[in-house]
Amino acid sequence: MGPVNSENEVARKFSVTVDDSVNASYITLSGAGVTRTVKVTSSCLVDLDSEDRVVGIELLDFPRG
């Protein structure tokens, strides 16, 4: 994947999934496969690809407004 050339290119690769049944959200930043997951806090997990680039972020117990 090369450098991002426009805001539209970023917008196409970004999505958010909310699962109200478990009070969690997942932010997808890339379509790459997940190689490992890093636990940042008890409620924040970061998925990384084989080159340690962020693929997605899972937020557990996500507060709803």
N, C-alpha and C. Protein backbone atom coordinates (compact mmCIF):
# COMPACT_ATOMS: atom_id res chain seq x y z
N MET A 1 0.84 -1.17 0.00
CA MET A 1 0.00 0.00 0.00
C MET A 1 0.89 1.24 0.00
N GLY A 2 0.66 2.13 -0.91
CA GLY A 2 1.46 3.34 -1.02
C GLY A 2 0.91 4.45 -0.16
N PRO A 3 1.45 5.64 -0.32
CA PRO A 3 1.00 6.78 0.48
C PRO A 3 -0.43 7.18 0.12
N VAL A 4 -1.11 7.76 1.08
CA VAL A 4 -2.47 8.24 0.87
C VAL A 4 -2.40 9.56 0.12
N ASN A 5 -3.16 9.67 -0.97
CA ASN A 5 -3.08 10.85 -1.82
C ASN A 5 -4.22 11.83 -1.61
N SER A 6 -5.29 11.41 -0.96
CA SER A 6 -6.41 12.32 -0.78
C SER A 6 -7.24 11.89 0.42
N GLU A 7 -8.07 12.81 0.90
CA GLU A 7 -8.96 12.50 2.01
C GLU A 7 -9.97 11.43 1.60
N ASN A 8 -10.39 11.43 0.34
CA ASN A 8 -11.35 10.42 -0.13
C ASN A 8 -10.78 9.03 -0.03
N GLU A 9 -9.50 8.86 -0.29
CA GLU A 9 -8.87 7.55 -0.20
C GLU A 9 -8.90 7.05 1.25
N VAL A 10 -8.69 7.94 2.19
CA VAL A 10 -8.75 7.58 3.60
C VAL A 10 -10.17 7.18 3.96
N ALA A 11 -11.15 7.94 3.53
CA ALA A 11 -12.55 7.69 3.87
C ALA A 11 -13.00 6.31 3.38
N ARG A 12 -12.53 5.86 2.25
CA ARG A 12 -12.93 4.55 1.72
C ARG A 12 -12.40 3.42 2.57
N LYS A 13 -11.34 3.61 3.29
CA LYS A 13 -10.71 2.54 4.05
C LYS A 13 -11.10 2.54 5.52
N PHE A 14 -11.95 3.42 5.92
CA PHE A 14 -12.30 3.60 7.32
C PHE A 14 -13.76 3.19 7.52
N SER A 15 -14.00 2.31 8.48
CA SER A 15 -15.39 1.97 8.81
C SER A 15 -15.49 1.66 10.30
N VAL A 16 -16.68 1.83 10.83
CA VAL A 16 -16.93 1.56 12.24
C VAL A 16 -18.09 0.59 12.35
N THR A 17 -17.90 -0.44 13.15
CA THR A 17 -18.95 -1.42 13.42
C THR A 17 -19.27 -1.36 14.91
N VAL A 18 -20.55 -1.27 15.23
CA VAL A 18 -20.98 -1.21 16.62
C VAL A 18 -21.82 -2.44 16.91
N ASP A 19 -21.49 -3.14 17.98
CA ASP A 19 -22.26 -4.30 18.42
C ASP A 19 -22.87 -3.97 19.78
N ASP A 20 -24.10 -3.51 19.76
CA ASP A 20 -24.77 -3.11 20.99
C ASP A 20 -24.98 -4.27 21.96
N SER A 21 -25.06 -5.49 21.43
CA SER A 21 -25.32 -6.64 22.31
C SER A 21 -24.17 -6.92 23.26
N VAL A 22 -22.95 -6.49 22.89
CA VAL A 22 -21.79 -6.68 23.77
C VAL A 22 -21.12 -5.36 24.12
N ASN A 23 -21.77 -4.24 23.75
CA ASN A 23 -21.28 -2.90 24.07
C ASN A 23 -19.84 -2.70 23.59
N ALA A 24 -19.62 -2.99 22.30
CA ALA A 24 -18.28 -2.87 21.73
C ALA A 24 -18.36 -2.22 20.35
N SER A 25 -17.24 -1.61 19.97
CA SER A 25 -17.11 -1.01 18.65
C SER A 25 -15.79 -1.45 18.04
N TYR A 26 -15.77 -1.58 16.69
CA TYR A 26 -14.54 -1.93 15.99
C TYR A 26 -14.33 -0.92 14.87
N ILE A 27 -13.17 -0.29 14.86
CA ILE A 27 -12.81 0.67 13.82
C ILE A 27 -11.87 -0.04 12.86
N THR A 28 -12.31 -0.23 11.63
CA THR A 28 -11.49 -0.89 10.61
C THR A 28 -10.73 0.17 9.84
N LEU A 29 -9.41 0.04 9.81
CA LEU A 29 -8.57 1.02 9.12
C LEU A 29 -7.91 0.44 7.87
N SER A 30 -7.92 -0.89 7.74
CA SER A 30 -7.24 -1.55 6.62
C SER A 30 -7.89 -2.89 6.37
N GLY A 31 -7.77 -3.38 5.14
CA GLY A 31 -8.29 -4.70 4.80
C GLY A 31 -7.25 -5.79 4.98
N ALA A 32 -6.08 -5.43 5.49
CA ALA A 32 -5.00 -6.40 5.67
C ALA A 32 -5.38 -7.42 6.74
N GLY A 33 -4.76 -8.58 6.67
CA GLY A 33 -4.99 -9.61 7.66
C GLY A 33 -4.36 -9.25 9.00
N VAL A 34 -5.00 -9.68 10.06
CA VAL A 34 -4.50 -9.42 11.41
C VAL A 34 -3.48 -10.51 11.77
N THR A 35 -2.28 -10.08 12.15
CA THR A 35 -1.23 -11.00 12.56
C THR A 35 -1.18 -11.13 14.08
N ARG A 36 -1.41 -10.01 14.75
CA ARG A 36 -1.39 -10.05 16.21
C ARG A 36 -2.23 -8.91 16.76
N THR A 37 -2.61 -9.07 18.03
CA THR A 37 -3.41 -8.07 18.72
C THR A 37 -2.67 -7.61 19.96
N VAL A 38 -2.63 -6.29 20.14
CA VAL A 38 -1.97 -5.69 21.30
C VAL A 38 -3.04 -5.13 22.23
N LYS A 39 -2.98 -5.51 23.48
CA LYS A 39 -3.91 -4.99 24.48
C LYS A 39 -3.32 -3.69 25.03
N VAL A 40 -3.96 -2.57 24.68
CA VAL A 40 -3.50 -1.26 25.12
C VAL A 40 -4.01 -0.98 26.53
N THR A 41 -5.29 -1.22 26.74
CA THR A 41 -5.91 -1.15 28.06
C THR A 41 -6.91 -2.30 28.14
N SER A 42 -7.58 -2.44 29.26
CA SER A 42 -8.57 -3.52 29.38
C SER A 42 -9.74 -3.34 28.43
N SER A 43 -9.92 -2.13 27.91
CA SER A 43 -11.04 -1.87 27.01
C SER A 43 -10.62 -1.43 25.61
N CYS A 44 -9.33 -1.51 25.29
CA CYS A 44 -8.84 -1.10 23.97
C CYS A 44 -7.82 -2.11 23.45
N LEU A 45 -8.16 -2.74 22.33
CA LEU A 45 -7.27 -3.71 21.68
C LEU A 45 -6.96 -3.21 20.28
N VAL A 46 -5.70 -3.33 19.86
CA VAL A 46 -5.28 -2.87 18.55
C VAL A 46 -4.79 -4.07 17.74
N ASP A 47 -5.39 -4.27 16.57
CA ASP A 47 -4.99 -5.34 15.66
C ASP A 47 -3.92 -4.82 14.70
N LEU A 48 -2.86 -5.60 14.53
CA LEU A 48 -1.74 -5.22 13.66
C LEU A 48 -1.55 -6.25 12.56
N ASP A 49 -1.01 -5.80 11.41
CA ASP A 49 -0.69 -6.72 10.33
C ASP A 49 0.73 -7.25 10.48
N SER A 50 1.23 -7.94 9.50
CA SER A 50 2.55 -8.56 9.59
C SER A 50 3.69 -7.56 9.64
N GLU A 51 3.41 -6.30 9.28
CA GLU A 51 4.43 -5.25 9.34
C GLU A 51 4.16 -4.27 10.48
N ASP A 52 3.34 -4.71 11.44
CA ASP A 52 2.97 -3.92 12.61
C ASP A 52 2.25 -2.62 12.29
N ARG A 53 1.51 -2.60 11.19
CA ARG A 53 0.65 -1.47 10.87
C ARG A 53 -0.72 -1.74 11.45
N VAL A 54 -1.38 -0.70 11.91
CA VAL A 54 -2.70 -0.85 12.55
C VAL A 54 -3.75 -1.23 11.50
N VAL A 55 -4.44 -2.33 11.77
CA VAL A 55 -5.51 -2.82 10.91
C VAL A 55 -6.86 -2.36 11.47
N GLY A 56 -6.99 -2.43 12.80
CA GLY A 56 -8.24 -2.04 13.42
C GLY A 56 -8.08 -1.83 14.92
N ILE A 57 -9.08 -1.19 15.49
CA ILE A 57 -9.09 -0.89 16.92
C ILE A 57 -10.42 -1.35 17.49
N GLU A 58 -10.36 -2.18 18.53
CA GLU A 58 -11.58 -2.63 19.19
C GLU A 58 -11.72 -1.92 20.52
N LEU A 59 -12.89 -1.32 20.73
CA LEU A 59 -13.19 -0.60 21.97
C LEU A 59 -14.29 -1.36 22.69
N LEU A 60 -13.97 -1.88 23.87
CA LEU A 60 -14.92 -2.63 24.67
C LEU A 60 -15.53 -1.72 25.71
N ASP A 61 -16.76 -2.02 26.12
CA ASP A 61 -17.49 -1.19 27.07
C ASP A 61 -17.53 0.25 26.60
N PHE A 62 -17.78 0.41 25.32
CA PHE A 62 -17.79 1.73 24.68
C PHE A 62 -18.99 2.54 25.19
N PRO A 63 -18.74 3.71 25.75
CA PRO A 63 -19.86 4.52 26.27
C PRO A 63 -20.75 5.03 25.16
N ARG A 64 -22.03 4.99 25.39
CA ARG A 64 -22.99 5.50 24.41
C ARG A 64 -23.54 6.82 24.90
N GLY A 65 -23.68 7.75 23.98
CA GLY A 65 -24.15 9.08 24.36
C GLY A 65 -25.59 9.31 24.19
